[in-house]
PDBML (XML) file of the C-alpha atoms, coordinates in Angstrom:
<?xml version="1.0" encoding="UTF-8" ?>
<PDBx:datablock datablockName="MODEL"
   xmlns:PDBx="http://pdbml.pdb.org/schema/pdbx-v50.xsd"
   xmlns:xsi="http://www.w3.org/2001/XMLSchema-instance"
   xsi:schemaLocation="http://pdbml.pdb.org/schema/pdbx-v50.xsd pdbx-v50.xsd">
   <PDBx:atom_siteCategory>
      <PDBx:atom_site id="1">
         <PDBx:B_iso_or_equiv>0.00</PDBx:B_iso_or_equiv>
         <PDBx:Cartn_x>125.186</PDBx:Cartn_x>
         <PDBx:Cartn_y>96.674</PDBx:Cartn_y>
         <PDBx:Cartn_z>102.618</PDBx:Cartn_z>
         <PDBx:auth_asym_id>A</PDBx:auth_asym_id>
         <PDBx:auth_atom_id>CA</PDBx:auth_atom_id>
         <PDBx:auth_comp_id>UNK</PDBx:auth_comp_id>
         <PDBx:auth_seq_id>1</PDBx:auth_seq_id>
         <PDBx:group_PDB>ATOM</PDBx:group_PDB>
         <PDBx:label_alt_id xsi:nil="true" />
         <PDBx:label_asym_id>A</PDBx:label_asym_id>
         <PDBx:label_atom_id>CA</PDBx:label_atom_id>
         <PDBx:label_comp_id>UNK</PDBx:label_comp_id>
         <PDBx:label_entity_id>1</PDBx:label_entity_id>
         <PDBx:label_seq_id>1</PDBx:label_seq_id>
         <PDBx:occupancy>1.00</PDBx:occupancy>
         <PDBx:pdbx_PDB_model_num>1</PDBx:pdbx_PDB_model_num>
         <PDBx:type_symbol>C</PDBx:type_symbol>
      </PDBx:atom_site>
      <PDBx:atom_site id="2">
         <PDBx:B_iso_or_equiv>0.00</PDBx:B_iso_or_equiv>
         <PDBx:Cartn_x>121.894</PDBx:Cartn_x>
         <PDBx:Cartn_y>94.772</PDBx:Cartn_y>
         <PDBx:Cartn_z>102.778</PDBx:Cartn_z>
         <PDBx:auth_asym_id>A</PDBx:auth_asym_id>
         <PDBx:auth_atom_id>CA</PDBx:auth_atom_id>
         <PDBx:auth_comp_id>UNK</PDBx:auth_comp_id>
         <PDBx:auth_seq_id>2</PDBx:auth_seq_id>
         <PDBx:group_PDB>ATOM</PDBx:group_PDB>
         <PDBx:label_alt_id xsi:nil="true" />
         <PDBx:label_asym_id>A</PDBx:label_asym_id>
         <PDBx:label_atom_id>CA</PDBx:label_atom_id>
         <PDBx:label_comp_id>UNK</PDBx:label_comp_id>
         <PDBx:label_entity_id>1</PDBx:label_entity_id>
         <PDBx:label_seq_id>2</PDBx:label_seq_id>
         <PDBx:occupancy>1.00</PDBx:occupancy>
         <PDBx:pdbx_PDB_model_num>1</PDBx:pdbx_PDB_model_num>
         <PDBx:type_symbol>C</PDBx:type_symbol>
      </PDBx:atom_site>
      <PDBx:atom_site id="3">
         <PDBx:B_iso_or_equiv>0.00</PDBx:B_iso_or_equiv>
         <PDBx:Cartn_x>120.517</PDBx:Cartn_x>
         <PDBx:Cartn_y>97.038</PDBx:Cartn_y>
         <PDBx:Cartn_z>105.533</PDBx:Cartn_z>
         <PDBx:auth_asym_id>A</PDBx:auth_asym_id>
         <PDBx:auth_atom_id>CA</PDBx:auth_atom_id>
         <PDBx:auth_comp_id>UNK</PDBx:auth_comp_id>
         <PDBx:auth_seq_id>3</PDBx:auth_seq_id>
         <PDBx:group_PDB>ATOM</PDBx:group_PDB>
         <PDBx:label_alt_id xsi:nil="true" />
         <PDBx:label_asym_id>A</PDBx:label_asym_id>
         <PDBx:label_atom_id>CA</PDBx:label_atom_id>
         <PDBx:label_comp_id>UNK</PDBx:label_comp_id>
         <PDBx:label_entity_id>1</PDBx:label_entity_id>
         <PDBx:label_seq_id>3</PDBx:label_seq_id>
         <PDBx:occupancy>1.00</PDBx:occupancy>
         <PDBx:pdbx_PDB_model_num>1</PDBx:pdbx_PDB_model_num>
         <PDBx:type_symbol>C</PDBx:type_symbol>
      </PDBx:atom_site>
      <PDBx:atom_site id="4">
         <PDBx:B_iso_or_equiv>0.00</PDBx:B_iso_or_equiv>
         <PDBx:Cartn_x>121.503</PDBx:Cartn_x>
         <PDBx:Cartn_y>100.156</PDBx:Cartn_y>
         <PDBx:Cartn_z>103.566</PDBx:Cartn_z>
         <PDBx:auth_asym_id>A</PDBx:auth_asym_id>
         <PDBx:auth_atom_id>CA</PDBx:auth_atom_id>
         <PDBx:auth_comp_id>UNK</PDBx:auth_comp_id>
         <PDBx:auth_seq_id>4</PDBx:auth_seq_id>
         <PDBx:group_PDB>ATOM</PDBx:group_PDB>
         <PDBx:label_alt_id xsi:nil="true" />
         <PDBx:label_asym_id>A</PDBx:label_asym_id>
         <PDBx:label_atom_id>CA</PDBx:label_atom_id>
         <PDBx:label_comp_id>UNK</PDBx:label_comp_id>
         <PDBx:label_entity_id>1</PDBx:label_entity_id>
         <PDBx:label_seq_id>4</PDBx:label_seq_id>
         <PDBx:occupancy>1.00</PDBx:occupancy>
         <PDBx:pdbx_PDB_model_num>1</PDBx:pdbx_PDB_model_num>
         <PDBx:type_symbol>C</PDBx:type_symbol>
      </PDBx:atom_site>
      <PDBx:atom_site id="5">
         <PDBx:B_iso_or_equiv>0.00</PDBx:B_iso_or_equiv>
         <PDBx:Cartn_x>119.893</PDBx:Cartn_x>
         <PDBx:Cartn_y>98.887</PDBx:Cartn_y>
         <PDBx:Cartn_z>100.352</PDBx:Cartn_z>
         <PDBx:auth_asym_id>A</PDBx:auth_asym_id>
         <PDBx:auth_atom_id>CA</PDBx:auth_atom_id>
         <PDBx:auth_comp_id>UNK</PDBx:auth_comp_id>
         <PDBx:auth_seq_id>5</PDBx:auth_seq_id>
         <PDBx:group_PDB>ATOM</PDBx:group_PDB>
         <PDBx:label_alt_id xsi:nil="true" />
         <PDBx:label_asym_id>A</PDBx:label_asym_id>
         <PDBx:label_atom_id>CA</PDBx:label_atom_id>
         <PDBx:label_comp_id>UNK</PDBx:label_comp_id>
         <PDBx:label_entity_id>1</PDBx:label_entity_id>
         <PDBx:label_seq_id>5</PDBx:label_seq_id>
         <PDBx:occupancy>1.00</PDBx:occupancy>
         <PDBx:pdbx_PDB_model_num>1</PDBx:pdbx_PDB_model_num>
         <PDBx:type_symbol>C</PDBx:type_symbol>
      </PDBx:atom_site>
      <PDBx:atom_site id="6">
         <PDBx:B_iso_or_equiv>0.00</PDBx:B_iso_or_equiv>
         <PDBx:Cartn_x>116.638</PDBx:Cartn_x>
         <PDBx:Cartn_y>98.021</PDBx:Cartn_y>
         <PDBx:Cartn_z>102.152</PDBx:Cartn_z>
         <PDBx:auth_asym_id>A</PDBx:auth_asym_id>
         <PDBx:auth_atom_id>CA</PDBx:auth_atom_id>
         <PDBx:auth_comp_id>UNK</PDBx:auth_comp_id>
         <PDBx:auth_seq_id>6</PDBx:auth_seq_id>
         <PDBx:group_PDB>ATOM</PDBx:group_PDB>
         <PDBx:label_alt_id xsi:nil="true" />
         <PDBx:label_asym_id>A</PDBx:label_asym_id>
         <PDBx:label_atom_id>CA</PDBx:label_atom_id>
         <PDBx:label_comp_id>UNK</PDBx:label_comp_id>
         <PDBx:label_entity_id>1</PDBx:label_entity_id>
         <PDBx:label_seq_id>6</PDBx:label_seq_id>
         <PDBx:occupancy>1.00</PDBx:occupancy>
         <PDBx:pdbx_PDB_model_num>1</PDBx:pdbx_PDB_model_num>
         <PDBx:type_symbol>C</PDBx:type_symbol>
      </PDBx:atom_site>
      <PDBx:atom_site id="7">
         <PDBx:B_iso_or_equiv>0.00</PDBx:B_iso_or_equiv>
         <PDBx:Cartn_x>116.666</PDBx:Cartn_x>
         <PDBx:Cartn_y>101.408</PDBx:Cartn_y>
         <PDBx:Cartn_z>103.887</PDBx:Cartn_z>
         <PDBx:auth_asym_id>A</PDBx:auth_asym_id>
         <PDBx:auth_atom_id>CA</PDBx:auth_atom_id>
         <PDBx:auth_comp_id>UNK</PDBx:auth_comp_id>
         <PDBx:auth_seq_id>7</PDBx:auth_seq_id>
         <PDBx:group_PDB>ATOM</PDBx:group_PDB>
         <PDBx:label_alt_id xsi:nil="true" />
         <PDBx:label_asym_id>A</PDBx:label_asym_id>
         <PDBx:label_atom_id>CA</PDBx:label_atom_id>
         <PDBx:label_comp_id>UNK</PDBx:label_comp_id>
         <PDBx:label_entity_id>1</PDBx:label_entity_id>
         <PDBx:label_seq_id>7</PDBx:label_seq_id>
         <PDBx:occupancy>1.00</PDBx:occupancy>
         <PDBx:pdbx_PDB_model_num>1</PDBx:pdbx_PDB_model_num>
         <PDBx:type_symbol>C</PDBx:type_symbol>
      </PDBx:atom_site>
      <PDBx:atom_site id="8">
         <PDBx:B_iso_or_equiv>0.00</PDBx:B_iso_or_equiv>
         <PDBx:Cartn_x>117.071</PDBx:Cartn_x>
         <PDBx:Cartn_y>103.158</PDBx:Cartn_y>
         <PDBx:Cartn_z>100.534</PDBx:Cartn_z>
         <PDBx:auth_asym_id>A</PDBx:auth_asym_id>
         <PDBx:auth_atom_id>CA</PDBx:auth_atom_id>
         <PDBx:auth_comp_id>UNK</PDBx:auth_comp_id>
         <PDBx:auth_seq_id>8</PDBx:auth_seq_id>
         <PDBx:group_PDB>ATOM</PDBx:group_PDB>
         <PDBx:label_alt_id xsi:nil="true" />
         <PDBx:label_asym_id>A</PDBx:label_asym_id>
         <PDBx:label_atom_id>CA</PDBx:label_atom_id>
         <PDBx:label_comp_id>UNK</PDBx:label_comp_id>
         <PDBx:label_entity_id>1</PDBx:label_entity_id>
         <PDBx:label_seq_id>8</PDBx:label_seq_id>
         <PDBx:occupancy>1.00</PDBx:occupancy>
         <PDBx:pdbx_PDB_model_num>1</PDBx:pdbx_PDB_model_num>
         <PDBx:type_symbol>C</PDBx:type_symbol>
      </PDBx:atom_site>
      <PDBx:atom_site id="9">
         <PDBx:B_iso_or_equiv>0.00</PDBx:B_iso_or_equiv>
         <PDBx:Cartn_x>114.015</PDBx:Cartn_x>
         <PDBx:Cartn_y>101.353</PDBx:Cartn_y>
         <PDBx:Cartn_z>99.135</PDBx:Cartn_z>
         <PDBx:auth_asym_id>A</PDBx:auth_asym_id>
         <PDBx:auth_atom_id>CA</PDBx:auth_atom_id>
         <PDBx:auth_comp_id>UNK</PDBx:auth_comp_id>
         <PDBx:auth_seq_id>9</PDBx:auth_seq_id>
         <PDBx:group_PDB>ATOM</PDBx:group_PDB>
         <PDBx:label_alt_id xsi:nil="true" />
         <PDBx:label_asym_id>A</PDBx:label_asym_id>
         <PDBx:label_atom_id>CA</PDBx:label_atom_id>
         <PDBx:label_comp_id>UNK</PDBx:label_comp_id>
         <PDBx:label_entity_id>1</PDBx:label_entity_id>
         <PDBx:label_seq_id>9</PDBx:label_seq_id>
         <PDBx:occupancy>1.00</PDBx:occupancy>
         <PDBx:pdbx_PDB_model_num>1</PDBx:pdbx_PDB_model_num>
         <PDBx:type_symbol>C</PDBx:type_symbol>
      </PDBx:atom_site>
      <PDBx:atom_site id="10">
         <PDBx:B_iso_or_equiv>0.00</PDBx:B_iso_or_equiv>
         <PDBx:Cartn_x>111.986</PDBx:Cartn_x>
         <PDBx:Cartn_y>102.347</PDBx:Cartn_y>
         <PDBx:Cartn_z>102.197</PDBx:Cartn_z>
         <PDBx:auth_asym_id>A</PDBx:auth_asym_id>
         <PDBx:auth_atom_id>CA</PDBx:auth_atom_id>
         <PDBx:auth_comp_id>UNK</PDBx:auth_comp_id>
         <PDBx:auth_seq_id>10</PDBx:auth_seq_id>
         <PDBx:group_PDB>ATOM</PDBx:group_PDB>
         <PDBx:label_alt_id xsi:nil="true" />
         <PDBx:label_asym_id>A</PDBx:label_asym_id>
         <PDBx:label_atom_id>CA</PDBx:label_atom_id>
         <PDBx:label_comp_id>UNK</PDBx:label_comp_id>
         <PDBx:label_entity_id>1</PDBx:label_entity_id>
         <PDBx:label_seq_id>10</PDBx:label_seq_id>
         <PDBx:occupancy>1.00</PDBx:occupancy>
         <PDBx:pdbx_PDB_model_num>1</PDBx:pdbx_PDB_model_num>
         <PDBx:type_symbol>C</PDBx:type_symbol>
      </PDBx:atom_site>
      <PDBx:atom_site id="11">
         <PDBx:B_iso_or_equiv>0.00</PDBx:B_iso_or_equiv>
         <PDBx:Cartn_x>113.132</PDBx:Cartn_x>
         <PDBx:Cartn_y>105.976</PDBx:Cartn_y>
         <PDBx:Cartn_z>102.004</PDBx:Cartn_z>
         <PDBx:auth_asym_id>A</PDBx:auth_asym_id>
         <PDBx:auth_atom_id>CA</PDBx:auth_atom_id>
         <PDBx:auth_comp_id>UNK</PDBx:auth_comp_id>
         <PDBx:auth_seq_id>11</PDBx:auth_seq_id>
         <PDBx:group_PDB>ATOM</PDBx:group_PDB>
         <PDBx:label_alt_id xsi:nil="true" />
         <PDBx:label_asym_id>A</PDBx:label_asym_id>
         <PDBx:label_atom_id>CA</PDBx:label_atom_id>
         <PDBx:label_comp_id>UNK</PDBx:label_comp_id>
         <PDBx:label_entity_id>1</PDBx:label_entity_id>
         <PDBx:label_seq_id>11</PDBx:label_seq_id>
         <PDBx:occupancy>1.00</PDBx:occupancy>
         <PDBx:pdbx_PDB_model_num>1</PDBx:pdbx_PDB_model_num>
         <PDBx:type_symbol>C</PDBx:type_symbol>
      </PDBx:atom_site>
      <PDBx:atom_site id="12">
         <PDBx:B_iso_or_equiv>0.00</PDBx:B_iso_or_equiv>
         <PDBx:Cartn_x>112.119</PDBx:Cartn_x>
         <PDBx:Cartn_y>106.307</PDBx:Cartn_y>
         <PDBx:Cartn_z>98.340</PDBx:Cartn_z>
         <PDBx:auth_asym_id>A</PDBx:auth_asym_id>
         <PDBx:auth_atom_id>CA</PDBx:auth_atom_id>
         <PDBx:auth_comp_id>UNK</PDBx:auth_comp_id>
         <PDBx:auth_seq_id>12</PDBx:auth_seq_id>
         <PDBx:group_PDB>ATOM</PDBx:group_PDB>
         <PDBx:label_alt_id xsi:nil="true" />
         <PDBx:label_asym_id>A</PDBx:label_asym_id>
         <PDBx:label_atom_id>CA</PDBx:label_atom_id>
         <PDBx:label_comp_id>UNK</PDBx:label_comp_id>
         <PDBx:label_entity_id>1</PDBx:label_entity_id>
         <PDBx:label_seq_id>12</PDBx:label_seq_id>
         <PDBx:occupancy>1.00</PDBx:occupancy>
         <PDBx:pdbx_PDB_model_num>1</PDBx:pdbx_PDB_model_num>
         <PDBx:type_symbol>C</PDBx:type_symbol>
      </PDBx:atom_site>
      <PDBx:atom_site id="13">
         <PDBx:B_iso_or_equiv>0.00</PDBx:B_iso_or_equiv>
         <PDBx:Cartn_x>108.668</PDBx:Cartn_x>
         <PDBx:Cartn_y>104.909</PDBx:Cartn_y>
         <PDBx:Cartn_z>99.085</PDBx:Cartn_z>
         <PDBx:auth_asym_id>A</PDBx:auth_asym_id>
         <PDBx:auth_atom_id>CA</PDBx:auth_atom_id>
         <PDBx:auth_comp_id>UNK</PDBx:auth_comp_id>
         <PDBx:auth_seq_id>13</PDBx:auth_seq_id>
         <PDBx:group_PDB>ATOM</PDBx:group_PDB>
         <PDBx:label_alt_id xsi:nil="true" />
         <PDBx:label_asym_id>A</PDBx:label_asym_id>
         <PDBx:label_atom_id>CA</PDBx:label_atom_id>
         <PDBx:label_comp_id>UNK</PDBx:label_comp_id>
         <PDBx:label_entity_id>1</PDBx:label_entity_id>
         <PDBx:label_seq_id>13</PDBx:label_seq_id>
         <PDBx:occupancy>1.00</PDBx:occupancy>
         <PDBx:pdbx_PDB_model_num>1</PDBx:pdbx_PDB_model_num>
         <PDBx:type_symbol>C</PDBx:type_symbol>
      </PDBx:atom_site>
      <PDBx:atom_site id="14">
         <PDBx:B_iso_or_equiv>0.00</PDBx:B_iso_or_equiv>
         <PDBx:Cartn_x>108.251</PDBx:Cartn_x>
         <PDBx:Cartn_y>107.282</PDBx:Cartn_y>
         <PDBx:Cartn_z>102.044</PDBx:Cartn_z>
         <PDBx:auth_asym_id>A</PDBx:auth_asym_id>
         <PDBx:auth_atom_id>CA</PDBx:auth_atom_id>
         <PDBx:auth_comp_id>UNK</PDBx:auth_comp_id>
         <PDBx:auth_seq_id>14</PDBx:auth_seq_id>
         <PDBx:group_PDB>ATOM</PDBx:group_PDB>
         <PDBx:label_alt_id xsi:nil="true" />
         <PDBx:label_asym_id>A</PDBx:label_asym_id>
         <PDBx:label_atom_id>CA</PDBx:label_atom_id>
         <PDBx:label_comp_id>UNK</PDBx:label_comp_id>
         <PDBx:label_entity_id>1</PDBx:label_entity_id>
         <PDBx:label_seq_id>14</PDBx:label_seq_id>
         <PDBx:occupancy>1.00</PDBx:occupancy>
         <PDBx:pdbx_PDB_model_num>1</PDBx:pdbx_PDB_model_num>
         <PDBx:type_symbol>C</PDBx:type_symbol>
      </PDBx:atom_site>
      <PDBx:atom_site id="15">
         <PDBx:B_iso_or_equiv>0.00</PDBx:B_iso_or_equiv>
         <PDBx:Cartn_x>109.198</PDBx:Cartn_x>
         <PDBx:Cartn_y>110.222</PDBx:Cartn_y>
         <PDBx:Cartn_z>99.829</PDBx:Cartn_z>
         <PDBx:auth_asym_id>A</PDBx:auth_asym_id>
         <PDBx:auth_atom_id>CA</PDBx:auth_atom_id>
         <PDBx:auth_comp_id>UNK</PDBx:auth_comp_id>
         <PDBx:auth_seq_id>15</PDBx:auth_seq_id>
         <PDBx:group_PDB>ATOM</PDBx:group_PDB>
         <PDBx:label_alt_id xsi:nil="true" />
         <PDBx:label_asym_id>A</PDBx:label_asym_id>
         <PDBx:label_atom_id>CA</PDBx:label_atom_id>
         <PDBx:label_comp_id>UNK</PDBx:label_comp_id>
         <PDBx:label_entity_id>1</PDBx:label_entity_id>
         <PDBx:label_seq_id>15</PDBx:label_seq_id>
         <PDBx:occupancy>1.00</PDBx:occupancy>
         <PDBx:pdbx_PDB_model_num>1</PDBx:pdbx_PDB_model_num>
         <PDBx:type_symbol>C</PDBx:type_symbol>
      </PDBx:atom_site>
      <PDBx:atom_site id="16">
         <PDBx:B_iso_or_equiv>0.00</PDBx:B_iso_or_equiv>
         <PDBx:Cartn_x>107.014</PDBx:Cartn_x>
         <PDBx:Cartn_y>109.266</PDBx:Cartn_y>
         <PDBx:Cartn_z>96.884</PDBx:Cartn_z>
         <PDBx:auth_asym_id>A</PDBx:auth_asym_id>
         <PDBx:auth_atom_id>CA</PDBx:auth_atom_id>
         <PDBx:auth_comp_id>UNK</PDBx:auth_comp_id>
         <PDBx:auth_seq_id>16</PDBx:auth_seq_id>
         <PDBx:group_PDB>ATOM</PDBx:group_PDB>
         <PDBx:label_alt_id xsi:nil="true" />
         <PDBx:label_asym_id>A</PDBx:label_asym_id>
         <PDBx:label_atom_id>CA</PDBx:label_atom_id>
         <PDBx:label_comp_id>UNK</PDBx:label_comp_id>
         <PDBx:label_entity_id>1</PDBx:label_entity_id>
         <PDBx:label_seq_id>16</PDBx:label_seq_id>
         <PDBx:occupancy>1.00</PDBx:occupancy>
         <PDBx:pdbx_PDB_model_num>1</PDBx:pdbx_PDB_model_num>
         <PDBx:type_symbol>C</PDBx:type_symbol>
      </PDBx:atom_site>
      <PDBx:atom_site id="17">
         <PDBx:B_iso_or_equiv>0.00</PDBx:B_iso_or_equiv>
         <PDBx:Cartn_x>103.879</PDBx:Cartn_x>
         <PDBx:Cartn_y>108.019</PDBx:Cartn_y>
         <PDBx:Cartn_z>98.697</PDBx:Cartn_z>
         <PDBx:auth_asym_id>A</PDBx:auth_asym_id>
         <PDBx:auth_atom_id>CA</PDBx:auth_atom_id>
         <PDBx:auth_comp_id>UNK</PDBx:auth_comp_id>
         <PDBx:auth_seq_id>17</PDBx:auth_seq_id>
         <PDBx:group_PDB>ATOM</PDBx:group_PDB>
         <PDBx:label_alt_id xsi:nil="true" />
         <PDBx:label_asym_id>A</PDBx:label_asym_id>
         <PDBx:label_atom_id>CA</PDBx:label_atom_id>
         <PDBx:label_comp_id>UNK</PDBx:label_comp_id>
         <PDBx:label_entity_id>1</PDBx:label_entity_id>
         <PDBx:label_seq_id>17</PDBx:label_seq_id>
         <PDBx:occupancy>1.00</PDBx:occupancy>
         <PDBx:pdbx_PDB_model_num>1</PDBx:pdbx_PDB_model_num>
         <PDBx:type_symbol>C</PDBx:type_symbol>
      </PDBx:atom_site>
      <PDBx:atom_site id="18">
         <PDBx:B_iso_or_equiv>0.00</PDBx:B_iso_or_equiv>
         <PDBx:Cartn_x>101.250</PDBx:Cartn_x>
         <PDBx:Cartn_y>110.304</PDBx:Cartn_y>
         <PDBx:Cartn_z>100.223</PDBx:Cartn_z>
         <PDBx:auth_asym_id>A</PDBx:auth_asym_id>
         <PDBx:auth_atom_id>CA</PDBx:auth_atom_id>
         <PDBx:auth_comp_id>UNK</PDBx:auth_comp_id>
         <PDBx:auth_seq_id>18</PDBx:auth_seq_id>
         <PDBx:group_PDB>ATOM</PDBx:group_PDB>
         <PDBx:label_alt_id xsi:nil="true" />
         <PDBx:label_asym_id>A</PDBx:label_asym_id>
         <PDBx:label_atom_id>CA</PDBx:label_atom_id>
         <PDBx:label_comp_id>UNK</PDBx:label_comp_id>
         <PDBx:label_entity_id>1</PDBx:label_entity_id>
         <PDBx:label_seq_id>18</PDBx:label_seq_id>
         <PDBx:occupancy>1.00</PDBx:occupancy>
         <PDBx:pdbx_PDB_model_num>1</PDBx:pdbx_PDB_model_num>
         <PDBx:type_symbol>C</PDBx:type_symbol>
      </PDBx:atom_site>
      <PDBx:atom_site id="19">
         <PDBx:B_iso_or_equiv>0.00</PDBx:B_iso_or_equiv>
         <PDBx:Cartn_x>98.120</PDBx:Cartn_x>
         <PDBx:Cartn_y>108.728</PDBx:Cartn_y>
         <PDBx:Cartn_z>101.670</PDBx:Cartn_z>
         <PDBx:auth_asym_id>A</PDBx:auth_asym_id>
         <PDBx:auth_atom_id>CA</PDBx:auth_atom_id>
         <PDBx:auth_comp_id>UNK</PDBx:auth_comp_id>
         <PDBx:auth_seq_id>19</PDBx:auth_seq_id>
         <PDBx:group_PDB>ATOM</PDBx:group_PDB>
         <PDBx:label_alt_id xsi:nil="true" />
         <PDBx:label_asym_id>A</PDBx:label_asym_id>
         <PDBx:label_atom_id>CA</PDBx:label_atom_id>
         <PDBx:label_comp_id>UNK</PDBx:label_comp_id>
         <PDBx:label_entity_id>1</PDBx:label_entity_id>
         <PDBx:label_seq_id>19</PDBx:label_seq_id>
         <PDBx:occupancy>1.00</PDBx:occupancy>
         <PDBx:pdbx_PDB_model_num>1</PDBx:pdbx_PDB_model_num>
         <PDBx:type_symbol>C</PDBx:type_symbol>
      </PDBx:atom_site>
      <PDBx:atom_site id="20">
         <PDBx:B_iso_or_equiv>0.00</PDBx:B_iso_or_equiv>
         <PDBx:Cartn_x>97.729</PDBx:Cartn_x>
         <PDBx:Cartn_y>106.363</PDBx:Cartn_y>
         <PDBx:Cartn_z>103.445</PDBx:Cartn_z>
         <PDBx:auth_asym_id>A</PDBx:auth_asym_id>
         <PDBx:auth_atom_id>CA</PDBx:auth_atom_id>
         <PDBx:auth_comp_id>UNK</PDBx:auth_comp_id>
         <PDBx:auth_seq_id>20</PDBx:auth_seq_id>
         <PDBx:group_PDB>ATOM</PDBx:group_PDB>
         <PDBx:label_alt_id xsi:nil="true" />
         <PDBx:label_asym_id>A</PDBx:label_asym_id>
         <PDBx:label_atom_id>CA</PDBx:label_atom_id>
         <PDBx:label_comp_id>UNK</PDBx:label_comp_id>
         <PDBx:label_entity_id>1</PDBx:label_entity_id>
         <PDBx:label_seq_id>20</PDBx:label_seq_id>
         <PDBx:occupancy>1.00</PDBx:occupancy>
         <PDBx:pdbx_PDB_model_num>1</PDBx:pdbx_PDB_model_num>
         <PDBx:type_symbol>C</PDBx:type_symbol>
      </PDBx:atom_site>
      <PDBx:atom_site id="21">
         <PDBx:B_iso_or_equiv>0.00</PDBx:B_iso_or_equiv>
         <PDBx:Cartn_x>101.324</PDBx:Cartn_x>
         <PDBx:Cartn_y>106.598</PDBx:Cartn_y>
         <PDBx:Cartn_z>104.753</PDBx:Cartn_z>
         <PDBx:auth_asym_id>A</PDBx:auth_asym_id>
         <PDBx:auth_atom_id>CA</PDBx:auth_atom_id>
         <PDBx:auth_comp_id>UNK</PDBx:auth_comp_id>
         <PDBx:auth_seq_id>21</PDBx:auth_seq_id>
         <PDBx:group_PDB>ATOM</PDBx:group_PDB>
         <PDBx:label_alt_id xsi:nil="true" />
         <PDBx:label_asym_id>A</PDBx:label_asym_id>
         <PDBx:label_atom_id>CA</PDBx:label_atom_id>
         <PDBx:label_comp_id>UNK</PDBx:label_comp_id>
         <PDBx:label_entity_id>1</PDBx:label_entity_id>
         <PDBx:label_seq_id>21</PDBx:label_seq_id>
         <PDBx:occupancy>1.00</PDBx:occupancy>
         <PDBx:pdbx_PDB_model_num>1</PDBx:pdbx_PDB_model_num>
         <PDBx:type_symbol>C</PDBx:type_symbol>
      </PDBx:atom_site>
      <PDBx:atom_site id="22">
         <PDBx:B_iso_or_equiv>0.00</PDBx:B_iso_or_equiv>
         <PDBx:Cartn_x>101.267</PDBx:Cartn_x>
         <PDBx:Cartn_y>110.372</PDBx:Cartn_y>
         <PDBx:Cartn_z>105.286</PDBx:Cartn_z>
         <PDBx:auth_asym_id>A</PDBx:auth_asym_id>
         <PDBx:auth_atom_id>CA</PDBx:auth_atom_id>
         <PDBx:auth_comp_id>UNK</PDBx:auth_comp_id>
         <PDBx:auth_seq_id>22</PDBx:auth_seq_id>
         <PDBx:group_PDB>ATOM</PDBx:group_PDB>
         <PDBx:label_alt_id xsi:nil="true" />
         <PDBx:label_asym_id>A</PDBx:label_asym_id>
         <PDBx:label_atom_id>CA</PDBx:label_atom_id>
         <PDBx:label_comp_id>UNK</PDBx:label_comp_id>
         <PDBx:label_entity_id>1</PDBx:label_entity_id>
         <PDBx:label_seq_id>22</PDBx:label_seq_id>
         <PDBx:occupancy>1.00</PDBx:occupancy>
         <PDBx:pdbx_PDB_model_num>1</PDBx:pdbx_PDB_model_num>
         <PDBx:type_symbol>C</PDBx:type_symbol>
      </PDBx:atom_site>
      <PDBx:atom_site id="23">
         <PDBx:B_iso_or_equiv>0.00</PDBx:B_iso_or_equiv>
         <PDBx:Cartn_x>98.358</PDBx:Cartn_x>
         <PDBx:Cartn_y>112.482</PDBx:Cartn_y>
         <PDBx:Cartn_z>106.533</PDBx:Cartn_z>
         <PDBx:auth_asym_id>A</PDBx:auth_asym_id>
         <PDBx:auth_atom_id>CA</PDBx:auth_atom_id>
         <PDBx:auth_comp_id>UNK</PDBx:auth_comp_id>
         <PDBx:auth_seq_id>23</PDBx:auth_seq_id>
         <PDBx:group_PDB>ATOM</PDBx:group_PDB>
         <PDBx:label_alt_id xsi:nil="true" />
         <PDBx:label_asym_id>A</PDBx:label_asym_id>
         <PDBx:label_atom_id>CA</PDBx:label_atom_id>
         <PDBx:label_comp_id>UNK</PDBx:label_comp_id>
         <PDBx:label_entity_id>1</PDBx:label_entity_id>
         <PDBx:label_seq_id>23</PDBx:label_seq_id>
         <PDBx:occupancy>1.00</PDBx:occupancy>
         <PDBx:pdbx_PDB_model_num>1</PDBx:pdbx_PDB_model_num>
         <PDBx:type_symbol>C</PDBx:type_symbol>
      </PDBx:atom_site>
      <PDBx:atom_site id="24">
         <PDBx:B_iso_or_equiv>0.00</PDBx:B_iso_or_equiv>
         <PDBx:Cartn_x>97.994</PDBx:Cartn_x>
         <PDBx:Cartn_y>116.257</PDBx:Cartn_y>
         <PDBx:Cartn_z>106.786</PDBx:Cartn_z>
         <PDBx:auth_asym_id>A</PDBx:auth_asym_id>
         <PDBx:auth_atom_id>CA</PDBx:auth_atom_id>
         <PDBx:auth_comp_id>UNK</PDBx:auth_comp_id>
         <PDBx:auth_seq_id>24</PDBx:auth_seq_id>
         <PDBx:group_PDB>ATOM</PDBx:group_PDB>
         <PDBx:label_alt_id xsi:nil="true" />
         <PDBx:label_asym_id>A</PDBx:label_asym_id>
         <PDBx:label_atom_id>CA</PDBx:label_atom_id>
         <PDBx:label_comp_id>UNK</PDBx:label_comp_id>
         <PDBx:label_entity_id>1</PDBx:label_entity_id>
         <PDBx:label_seq_id>24</PDBx:label_seq_id>
         <PDBx:occupancy>1.00</PDBx:occupancy>
         <PDBx:pdbx_PDB_model_num>1</PDBx:pdbx_PDB_model_num>
         <PDBx:type_symbol>C</PDBx:type_symbol>
      </PDBx:atom_site>
      <PDBx:atom_site id="25">
         <PDBx:B_iso_or_equiv>0.00</PDBx:B_iso_or_equiv>
         <PDBx:Cartn_x>98.134</PDBx:Cartn_x>
         <PDBx:Cartn_y>117.626</PDBx:Cartn_y>
         <PDBx:Cartn_z>110.339</PDBx:Cartn_z>
         <PDBx:auth_asym_id>A</PDBx:auth_asym_id>
         <PDBx:auth_atom_id>CA</PDBx:auth_atom_id>
         <PDBx:auth_comp_id>UNK</PDBx:auth_comp_id>
         <PDBx:auth_seq_id>25</PDBx:auth_seq_id>
         <PDBx:group_PDB>ATOM</PDBx:group_PDB>
         <PDBx:label_alt_id xsi:nil="true" />
         <PDBx:label_asym_id>A</PDBx:label_asym_id>
         <PDBx:label_atom_id>CA</PDBx:label_atom_id>
         <PDBx:label_comp_id>UNK</PDBx:label_comp_id>
         <PDBx:label_entity_id>1</PDBx:label_entity_id>
         <PDBx:label_seq_id>25</PDBx:label_seq_id>
         <PDBx:occupancy>1.00</PDBx:occupancy>
         <PDBx:pdbx_PDB_model_num>1</PDBx:pdbx_PDB_model_num>
         <PDBx:type_symbol>C</PDBx:type_symbol>
      </PDBx:atom_site>
   </PDBx:atom_siteCategory>
</PDBx:datablock>
């Protein structure tokens, strides 16, 4: 349950954050 909750937080940040996490190819 703890791993899943932490993973959910990470996923939301990956989806809602652009730079500097994501760059355009």
